[in-house]
Amino acid sequence: MEKENLPQENSSSNLPAQNNKIKDEHEYNLKLKRLDLEQEAISKVSEIQGKTLDTINNLSNNKLKSRELEAKARQKGIDNAKMFDALNKTIDKKYGQQDRAMDNAEKTLDMALDKWDKDIIMKSLDALGSVANTNPLGNVKKDVERQISEEDFDDDDFMLEI
């Protein structure tokens, strides 16, 4: 019999080389997958870090805005208190002036009635009518603004340095 017709044995020297090659390829693929996973993890961590920094910045901005709003609210309260005080002072002053003007006109009228001086009586009645018909709060807004600006100017912390 000839050996050519018989099944040939596979050479066993080729198998370990193939096994080593497959093993090396498998290790290489595992290393690639590991590198891909590490790269993806680094990318995700960087993304999360960026979002965290954005959140911290937004919180800081919100805190600053909150403090700014609190300061504005405090200042508005101070301004409103100044306006209230100035308005009360102005109203008291204006009605006090009108009250004194009415008293003066009444005194003049009483003196004219005692003397029965028709001209002075008519002038006194005109003065009384004029004072009574005058609105003491006609220019109250300007007076209040002027008083507030004077109070601000008279603050103790205002100092000129030369």
N, C-alpha and C. Protein backbone atom coordinates (compact mmCIF):
# COMPACT_ATOMS: atom_id res chain seq x y z
N MET A 1 0.79 -1.15 0.00
CA MET A 1 0.00 0.00 0.00
C MET A 1 0.84 1.23 0.00
N GLU A 2 0.28 2.12 -0.63
CA GLU A 2 1.03 3.37 -0.72
C GLU A 2 0.54 4.32 0.37
N LYS A 3 1.46 5.09 0.80
CA LYS A 3 1.14 6.01 1.88
C LYS A 3 0.35 7.21 1.38
N GLU A 4 0.36 7.41 0.15
CA GLU A 4 -0.35 8.57 -0.38
C GLU A 4 -1.85 8.43 -0.23
N ASN A 5 -2.33 7.23 -0.33
CA ASN A 5 -3.76 7.01 -0.25
C ASN A 5 -4.27 6.97 1.18
N LEU A 6 -3.41 6.81 2.12
CA LEU A 6 -3.82 6.73 3.51
C LEU A 6 -4.02 8.14 4.08
N PRO A 7 -4.90 8.25 5.03
CA PRO A 7 -5.07 9.58 5.62
C PRO A 7 -3.78 10.01 6.29
N GLN A 8 -3.43 11.21 6.09
CA GLN A 8 -2.19 11.77 6.62
C GLN A 8 -2.45 12.34 8.01
N GLU A 9 -1.49 12.22 8.86
CA GLU A 9 -1.59 12.81 10.18
C GLU A 9 -1.28 14.30 10.08
N ASN A 10 -2.04 15.02 10.78
CA ASN A 10 -1.74 16.46 10.84
C ASN A 10 -0.48 16.66 11.64
N SER A 11 0.29 17.57 11.19
CA SER A 11 1.53 17.80 11.92
C SER A 11 1.19 18.55 13.20
N SER A 12 1.62 18.07 14.28
CA SER A 12 1.31 18.65 15.58
C SER A 12 2.15 19.89 15.86
N SER A 13 3.12 20.15 15.07
CA SER A 13 3.97 21.31 15.28
C SER A 13 3.23 22.60 14.93
N ASN A 14 2.22 22.59 14.09
CA ASN A 14 1.44 23.75 13.67
C ASN A 14 0.42 24.16 14.73
N LEU A 15 -0.12 23.27 15.50
CA LEU A 15 -1.18 23.55 16.47
C LEU A 15 -0.74 24.51 17.57
N PRO A 16 0.38 24.34 18.20
CA PRO A 16 0.76 25.29 19.24
C PRO A 16 0.95 26.70 18.68
N ALA A 17 1.46 26.84 17.48
CA ALA A 17 1.64 28.17 16.90
C ALA A 17 0.28 28.80 16.64
N GLN A 18 -0.66 28.01 16.15
CA GLN A 18 -2.01 28.54 15.90
C GLN A 18 -2.67 28.91 17.22
N ASN A 19 -2.52 28.06 18.21
CA ASN A 19 -3.10 28.34 19.52
C ASN A 19 -2.50 29.62 20.11
N ASN A 20 -1.21 29.80 19.98
CA ASN A 20 -0.55 31.01 20.48
C ASN A 20 -1.05 32.24 19.72
N LYS A 21 -1.23 32.08 18.40
CA LYS A 21 -1.71 33.21 17.59
C LYS A 21 -3.13 33.58 18.00
N ILE A 22 -3.99 32.60 18.19
CA ILE A 22 -5.38 32.84 18.61
C ILE A 22 -5.38 33.47 20.00
N LYS A 23 -4.54 32.95 20.87
CA LYS A 23 -4.45 33.49 22.23
C LYS A 23 -3.97 34.94 22.20
N ASP A 24 -2.96 35.22 21.38
CA ASP A 24 -2.45 36.59 21.25
C ASP A 24 -3.52 37.52 20.69
N GLU A 25 -4.24 37.06 19.67
CA GLU A 25 -5.32 37.88 19.09
C GLU A 25 -6.40 38.13 20.13
N HIS A 26 -6.73 37.11 20.90
CA HIS A 26 -7.75 37.24 21.94
C HIS A 26 -7.29 38.25 23.01
N GLU A 27 -6.05 38.16 23.44
CA GLU A 27 -5.50 39.11 24.41
C GLU A 27 -5.47 40.52 23.84
N TYR A 28 -5.11 40.64 22.58
CA TYR A 28 -5.08 41.95 21.91
C TYR A 28 -6.50 42.55 21.87
N ASN A 29 -7.48 41.72 21.49
CA ASN A 29 -8.88 42.19 21.46
C ASN A 29 -9.35 42.59 22.85
N LEU A 30 -8.98 41.82 23.86
CA LEU A 30 -9.34 42.16 25.24
C LEU A 30 -8.71 43.49 25.65
N LYS A 31 -7.44 43.69 25.28
CA LYS A 31 -6.77 44.96 25.59
C LYS A 31 -7.46 46.13 24.89
N LEU A 32 -7.87 45.90 23.62
CA LEU A 32 -8.58 46.96 22.90
C LEU A 32 -9.90 47.29 23.58
N LYS A 33 -10.64 46.24 23.96
CA LYS A 33 -11.91 46.46 24.65
C LYS A 33 -11.68 47.18 25.98
N ARG A 34 -10.64 46.78 26.69
CA ARG A 34 -10.31 47.43 27.96
C ARG A 34 -9.97 48.90 27.75
N LEU A 35 -9.18 49.19 26.72
CA LEU A 35 -8.83 50.58 26.41
C LEU A 35 -10.08 51.38 26.02
N ASP A 36 -10.97 50.76 25.24
CA ASP A 36 -12.22 51.43 24.87
C ASP A 36 -13.06 51.73 26.11
N LEU A 37 -13.16 50.76 27.01
CA LEU A 37 -13.92 50.97 28.25
C LEU A 37 -13.28 52.06 29.11
N GLU A 38 -11.96 52.04 29.21
CA GLU A 38 -11.27 53.08 29.98
C GLU A 38 -11.49 54.45 29.36
N GLN A 39 -11.41 54.52 28.04
CA GLN A 39 -11.62 55.79 27.34
C GLN A 39 -13.06 56.28 27.56
N GLU A 40 -14.01 55.37 27.48
CA GLU A 40 -15.41 55.73 27.69
C GLU A 40 -15.62 56.18 29.14
N ALA A 41 -15.00 55.48 30.09
CA ALA A 41 -15.12 55.86 31.50
C ALA A 41 -14.52 57.25 31.74
N ILE A 42 -13.37 57.50 31.15
CA ILE A 42 -12.73 58.82 31.29
C ILE A 42 -13.63 59.89 30.68
N SER A 43 -14.19 59.59 29.54
CA SER A 43 -15.08 60.54 28.88
C SER A 43 -16.31 60.83 29.75
N LYS A 44 -16.91 59.78 30.32
CA LYS A 44 -18.09 59.96 31.18
C LYS A 44 -17.73 60.74 32.44
N VAL A 45 -16.58 60.44 33.03
CA VAL A 45 -16.14 61.16 34.24
C VAL A 45 -15.93 62.63 33.91
N SER A 46 -15.31 62.91 32.77
CA SER A 46 -15.09 64.31 32.36
C SER A 46 -16.42 65.01 32.14
N GLU A 47 -17.36 64.31 31.52
CA GLU A 47 -18.69 64.89 31.28
C GLU A 47 -19.40 65.18 32.60
N ILE A 48 -19.33 64.22 33.53
CA ILE A 48 -19.96 64.41 34.84
C ILE A 48 -19.27 65.55 35.59
N GLN A 49 -17.95 65.62 35.49
CA GLN A 49 -17.21 66.69 36.16
C GLN A 49 -17.62 68.05 35.59
N GLY A 50 -17.77 68.12 34.28
CA GLY A 50 -18.21 69.38 33.65
C GLY A 50 -19.60 69.77 34.12
N LYS A 51 -20.50 68.79 34.17
CA LYS A 51 -21.86 69.08 34.64
C LYS A 51 -21.86 69.50 36.10
N THR A 52 -21.01 68.87 36.89
CA THR A 52 -20.91 69.23 38.31
C THR A 52 -20.40 70.66 38.46
N LEU A 53 -19.39 71.02 37.69
CA LEU A 53 -18.87 72.39 37.75
C LEU A 53 -19.93 73.39 37.29
N ASP A 54 -20.69 73.04 36.25
CA ASP A 54 -21.78 73.91 35.80
C ASP A 54 -22.81 74.10 36.90
N THR A 55 -23.15 73.01 37.58
CA THR A 55 -24.12 73.08 38.67
C THR A 55 -23.60 73.96 39.80
N ILE A 56 -22.33 73.79 40.15
CA ILE A 56 -21.74 74.61 41.22
C ILE A 56 -21.73 76.08 40.81
N ASN A 57 -21.37 76.37 39.56
CA ASN A 57 -21.38 77.75 39.07
C ASN A 57 -22.78 78.33 39.11
N ASN A 58 -23.77 77.53 38.69
CA ASN A 58 -25.16 78.00 38.72
C ASN A 58 -25.61 78.27 40.14
N LEU A 59 -25.23 77.39 41.07
CA LEU A 59 -25.58 77.61 42.47
C LEU A 59 -24.93 78.88 43.00
N SER A 60 -23.67 79.11 42.64
CA SER A 60 -22.98 80.33 43.07
C SER A 60 -23.67 81.57 42.49
N ASN A 61 -24.02 81.50 41.21
CA ASN A 61 -24.71 82.62 40.58
C ASN A 61 -26.06 82.86 41.24
N ASN A 62 -26.78 81.78 41.55
CA ASN A 62 -28.08 81.92 42.21
C ASN A 62 -27.92 82.54 43.59
N LYS A 63 -26.88 82.14 44.31
CA LYS A 63 -26.65 82.70 45.64
C LYS A 63 -26.33 84.19 45.54
N LEU A 64 -25.50 84.56 44.56
CA LEU A 64 -25.18 85.98 44.37
C LEU A 64 -26.43 86.78 44.01
N LYS A 65 -27.24 86.23 43.10
CA LYS A 65 -28.48 86.92 42.72
C LYS A 65 -29.41 87.05 43.92
N SER A 66 -29.47 86.00 44.73
CA SER A 66 -30.32 86.03 45.92
C SER A 66 -29.85 87.13 46.88
N ARG A 67 -28.54 87.22 47.10
CA ARG A 67 -28.01 88.28 47.97
C ARG A 67 -28.28 89.66 47.38
N GLU A 68 -28.14 89.76 46.06
CA GLU A 68 -28.41 91.04 45.40
C GLU A 68 -29.87 91.44 45.58
N LEU A 69 -30.78 90.47 45.41
CA LEU A 69 -32.20 90.76 45.60
C LEU A 69 -32.51 91.12 47.05
N GLU A 70 -31.87 90.44 48.00
CA GLU A 70 -32.06 90.78 49.41
C GLU A 70 -31.59 92.20 49.69
N ALA A 71 -30.45 92.58 49.14
CA ALA A 71 -29.92 93.94 49.33
C ALA A 71 -30.86 94.97 48.72
N LYS A 72 -31.36 94.66 47.52
CA LYS A 72 -32.30 95.59 46.87
C LYS A 72 -33.59 95.71 47.69
N ALA A 73 -34.07 94.59 48.23
CA ALA A 73 -35.29 94.62 49.04
C ALA A 73 -35.07 95.43 50.31
N ARG A 74 -33.89 95.23 50.94
CA ARG A 74 -33.58 96.02 52.13
C ARG A 74 -33.53 97.51 51.80
N GLN A 75 -32.87 97.84 50.68
CA GLN A 75 -32.76 99.24 50.28
C GLN A 75 -34.14 99.81 49.96
N LYS A 76 -34.98 99.01 49.31
CA LYS A 76 -36.33 99.46 48.98
C LYS A 76 -37.12 99.73 50.27
N GLY A 77 -36.93 98.87 51.27
CA GLY A 77 -37.58 99.08 52.56
C GLY A 77 -37.11 100.37 53.22
N ILE A 78 -35.80 100.61 53.15
CA ILE A 78 -35.25 101.86 53.70
C ILE A 78 -35.81 103.06 52.95
N ASP A 79 -35.83 102.96 51.62
CA ASP A 79 -36.37 104.06 50.81
C ASP A 79 -37.84 104.30 51.12
N ASN A 80 -38.61 103.22 51.28
CA ASN A 80 -40.03 103.37 51.61
C ASN A 80 -40.22 104.01 52.98
N ALA A 81 -39.39 103.63 53.95
CA ALA A 81 -39.47 104.23 55.28
C ALA A 81 -39.15 105.72 55.21
N LYS A 82 -38.11 106.08 54.43
CA LYS A 82 -37.77 107.50 54.25
C LYS A 82 -38.93 108.25 53.61
N MET A 83 -39.53 107.62 52.59
CA MET A 83 -40.64 108.26 51.89
C MET A 83 -41.82 108.45 52.85
N PHE A 84 -42.11 107.44 53.66
CA PHE A 84 -43.21 107.52 54.61
C PHE A 84 -42.97 108.64 55.62
N ASP A 85 -41.76 108.68 56.18
CA ASP A 85 -41.43 109.74 57.15
C ASP A 85 -41.50 111.12 56.50
N ALA A 86 -40.93 111.25 55.32
CA ALA A 86 -40.95 112.54 54.63
C ALA A 86 -42.38 112.95 54.30
N LEU A 87 -43.19 112.00 53.89
CA LEU A 87 -44.59 112.30 53.55
C LEU A 87 -45.34 112.77 54.79
N ASN A 88 -45.15 112.08 55.91
CA ASN A 88 -45.81 112.49 57.15
C ASN A 88 -45.37 113.89 57.58
N LYS A 89 -44.06 114.15 57.51
CA LYS A 89 -43.56 115.47 57.89
C LYS A 89 -44.12 116.55 56.97
N THR A 90 -44.15 116.26 55.67
CA THR A 90 -44.65 117.24 54.71
C THR A 90 -46.13 117.52 54.93
N ILE A 91 -46.91 116.46 55.15
CA ILE A 91 -48.35 116.65 55.38
C ILE A 91 -48.57 117.47 56.65
N ASP A 92 -47.85 117.11 57.73
CA ASP A 92 -47.98 117.88 58.97
C ASP A 92 -47.61 119.35 58.75
N LYS A 93 -46.52 119.57 58.04
CA LYS A 93 -46.06 120.94 57.77
C LYS A 93 -47.09 121.72 56.95
N LYS A 94 -47.57 121.09 55.87
CA LYS A 94 -48.52 121.78 54.98
C LYS A 94 -49.82 122.11 55.71
N TYR A 95 -50.38 121.13 56.45
CA TYR A 95 -51.62 121.40 57.17
C TYR A 95 -51.39 122.39 58.31
N GLY A 96 -50.19 122.36 58.91
CA GLY A 96 -49.86 123.34 59.94
C GLY A 96 -49.82 124.75 59.35
N GLN A 97 -49.22 124.88 58.16
CA GLN A 97 -49.18 126.19 57.49
C GLN A 97 -50.59 126.66 57.15
N GLN A 98 -51.42 125.74 56.65
CA GLN A 98 -52.79 126.12 56.30
C GLN A 98 -53.57 126.49 57.56
N ASP A 99 -53.34 125.76 58.64
CA ASP A 99 -54.03 126.05 59.89
C ASP A 99 -53.64 127.44 60.41
N ARG A 100 -52.34 127.77 60.33
CA ARG A 100 -51.89 129.10 60.76
C ARG A 100 -52.47 130.20 59.86
N ALA A 101 -52.53 129.93 58.56
CA ALA A 101 -53.10 130.92 57.63
C ALA A 101 -54.58 131.14 57.93
N MET A 102 -55.29 130.05 58.24
CA MET A 102 -56.71 130.19 58.60
C MET A 102 -56.85 130.98 59.90
N ASP A 103 -55.99 130.70 60.89
CA ASP A 103 -56.04 131.42 62.16
C ASP A 103 -55.79 132.91 61.94
N ASN A 104 -54.79 133.24 61.12
CA ASN A 104 -54.50 134.65 60.83
C ASN A 104 -55.67 135.33 60.14
N ALA A 105 -56.28 134.65 59.18
CA ALA A 105 -57.42 135.23 58.47
C ALA A 105 -58.60 135.41 59.42
N GLU A 106 -58.81 134.44 60.33
CA GLU A 106 -59.90 134.56 61.30
C GLU A 106 -59.65 135.70 62.28
N LYS A 107 -58.40 135.86 62.72
CA LYS A 107 -58.08 136.97 63.63
C LYS A 107 -58.33 138.31 62.96
N THR A 108 -57.89 138.39 61.69
CA THR A 108 -58.11 139.64 60.95
C THR A 108 -59.61 139.89 60.79
N LEU A 109 -60.38 138.85 60.52
CA LEU A 109 -61.84 138.99 60.38
C LEU A 109 -62.47 139.41 61.71
N ASP A 110 -62.03 138.79 62.80
CA ASP A 110 -62.56 139.17 64.12
C ASP A 110 -62.28 140.63 64.43
N MET A 111 -61.05 141.09 64.12
CA MET A 111 -60.72 142.51 64.36
C MET A 111 -61.58 143.41 63.48
N ALA A 112 -61.78 143.00 62.23
CA ALA A 112 -62.60 143.81 61.31
C ALA A 112 -64.04 143.85 61.78
N LEU A 113 -64.54 142.72 62.30
CA LEU A 113 -65.93 142.69 62.80
C LEU A 113 -66.07 143.56 64.04
N ASP A 114 -65.03 143.59 64.88
CA ASP A 114 -65.09 144.45 66.06
C ASP A 114 -65.17 145.92 65.66
N LYS A 115 -64.48 146.27 64.59
CA LYS A 115 -64.45 147.66 64.13
C LYS A 115 -65.57 147.95 63.13
N TRP A 116 -66.21 146.97 62.64
CA TRP A 116 -67.23 147.07 61.59
C TRP A 116 -66.68 147.76 60.35
N ASP A 117 -65.43 147.35 59.99
CA ASP A 117 -64.81 147.90 58.77
C ASP A 117 -65.13 146.96 57.61
N LYS A 118 -66.00 147.48 56.74
CA LYS A 118 -66.51 146.66 55.64
C LYS A 118 -65.39 146.21 54.70
N ASP A 119 -64.44 147.05 54.36
CA ASP A 119 -63.36 146.69 53.44
C ASP A 119 -62.48 145.57 54.03
N ILE A 120 -62.12 145.70 55.29
CA ILE A 120 -61.28 144.68 55.92
C ILE A 120 -62.06 143.37 56.07
N ILE A 121 -63.35 143.48 56.37
CA ILE A 121 -64.19 142.27 56.48
C ILE A 121 -64.18 141.53 55.14
N MET A 122 -64.37 142.24 54.05
CA MET A 122 -64.39 141.61 52.72
C MET A 122 -63.03 140.99 52.38
N LYS A 123 -61.95 141.71 52.69
CA LYS A 123 -60.61 141.17 52.42
C LYS A 123 -60.34 139.93 53.29
N SER A 124 -60.77 139.97 54.54
CA SER A 124 -60.58 138.83 55.44
C SER A 124 -61.37 137.62 54.96
N LEU A 125 -62.60 137.85 54.51
CA LEU A 125 -63.41 136.74 53.99
C LEU A 125 -62.79 136.17 52.71
N ASP A 126 -62.26 137.05 51.86
CA ASP A 126 -61.57 136.57 50.65
C ASP A 126 -60.35 135.72 51.02
N ALA A 127 -59.58 136.20 52.02
CA ALA A 127 -58.39 135.46 52.45
C ALA A 127 -58.79 134.10 53.04
N LEU A 128 -59.85 134.10 53.85
CA LEU A 128 -60.34 132.84 54.41
C LEU A 128 -60.77 131.87 53.31
N GLY A 129 -61.51 132.37 52.34
CA GLY A 129 -61.96 131.52 51.22
C GLY A 129 -60.79 131.00 50.40
N SER A 130 -59.81 131.85 50.19
CA SER A 130 -58.63 131.45 49.42
C SER A 130 -57.86 130.35 50.14
N VAL A 131 -57.65 130.52 51.45
CA VAL A 131 -56.93 129.52 52.23
C VAL A 131 -57.74 128.22 52.28
N ALA A 132 -59.05 128.34 52.48
CA ALA A 132 -59.90 127.14 52.58
C ALA A 132 -59.94 126.38 51.26
N ASN A 133 -59.87 127.08 50.16
CA ASN A 133 -59.94 126.43 48.84
C ASN A 133 -58.58 125.95 48.33
N THR A 134 -57.52 126.25 49.05
CA THR A 134 -56.19 125.82 48.63
C THR A 134 -55.94 124.38 49.09
N ASN A 135 -55.47 123.57 48.16
CA ASN A 135 -55.12 122.18 48.50
C ASN A 135 -53.70 122.18 49.05
N PRO A 136 -53.54 121.88 50.32
CA PRO A 136 -52.20 121.92 50.91
C PRO A 136 -51.28 120.83 50.35
N LEU A 137 -51.85 119.82 49.74
CA LEU A 137 -51.05 118.71 49.21
C LEU A 137 -50.86 118.81 47.71
N GLY A 138 -51.06 119.99 47.15
CA GLY A 138 -50.93 120.15 45.70
C GLY A 138 -49.55 119.81 45.17
N ASN A 139 -48.51 120.21 45.86
CA ASN A 139 -47.13 119.94 45.42
C ASN A 139 -46.42 118.99 46.37
N VAL A 140 -47.18 118.10 46.99
CA VAL A 140 -46.60 117.24 48.02
C VAL A 140 -45.49 116.35 47.45
N LYS A 141 -45.63 115.89 46.22
CA LYS A 141 -44.61 114.99 45.65
C LYS A 141 -43.27 115.71 45.56
N LYS A 142 -43.28 116.93 45.04
CA LYS A 142 -42.03 117.69 44.93
C LYS A 142 -41.44 117.97 46.31
N ASP A 143 -42.30 118.32 47.26
CA ASP A 143 -41.83 118.62 48.61
C ASP A 143 -41.20 117.38 49.26
N VAL A 144 -41.84 116.23 49.09
CA VAL A 144 -41.32 114.99 49.67
C VAL A 144 -39.98 114.64 49.03
N GLU A 145 -39.89 114.73 47.71
CA GLU A 145 -38.63 114.43 47.02
C GLU A 145 -37.52 115.38 47.47
N ARG A 146 -37.86 116.65 47.63
CA ARG A 146 -36.87 117.63 48.09
C ARG A 146 -36.41 117.30 49.51
N GLN A 147 -37.37 116.95 50.37
CA GLN A 147 -37.02 116.63 51.75
C GLN A 147 -36.15 115.38 51.82
N ILE A 148 -36.45 114.37 51.02
CA ILE A 148 -35.64 113.15 51.01
C ILE A 148 -34.23 113.45 50.52
N SER A 149 -34.12 114.25 49.46
CA SER A 149 -32.78 114.57 48.95
C SER A 149 -32.01 115.40 49.98
N GLU A 150 -32.69 116.27 50.73
CA GLU A 150 -32.01 117.03 51.78
C GLU A 150 -31.56 116.11 52.90
N GLU A 151 -32.41 115.13 53.26
CA GLU A 151 -32.03 114.18 54.30
C GLU A 151 -30.83 113.34 53.86
N ASP A 152 -30.84 112.92 52.60
CA ASP A 152 -29.71 112.14 52.09
C ASP A 152 -28.44 112.98 52.09
N PHE A 153 -28.57 114.26 51.78
CA PHE A 153 -27.41 115.14 51.74
C PHE A 153 -26.88 115.40 53.15
N ASP A 154 -27.79 115.41 54.13
CA ASP A 154 -27.40 115.70 55.51
C ASP A 154 -26.93 114.48 56.28
N ASP A 155 -26.79 113.34 55.62
CA ASP A 155 -26.34 112.13 56.31
C ASP A 155 -24.99 112.37 56.97
N ASP A 156 -24.81 111.74 58.13
CA ASP A 156 -23.56 111.89 58.87
C ASP A 156 -22.36 111.31 58.14
N ASP A 157 -22.63 110.31 57.29
CA ASP A 157 -21.51 109.66 56.60
C ASP A 157 -21.06 110.44 55.36
N PHE A 158 -21.70 111.56 55.08
CA PHE A 158 -21.33 112.36 53.93
C PHE A 158 -20.19 113.29 54.34
N MET A 159 -19.06 113.19 53.65
CA MET A 159 -17.92 114.01 54.01
C MET A 159 -17.14 114.37 52.75
N LEU A 160 -16.75 115.61 52.66
CA LEU A 160 -15.90 116.05 51.56
C LEU A 160 -14.46 116.02 52.02
N GLU A 161 -13.63 115.41 51.22
CA GLU A 161 -12.20 115.40 51.54
C GLU A 161 -11.49 116.31 50.56
N ILE A 162 -10.63 117.15 51.10
CA ILE A 162 -9.89 118.09 50.26
C ILE A 162 -8.44 117.72 50.27
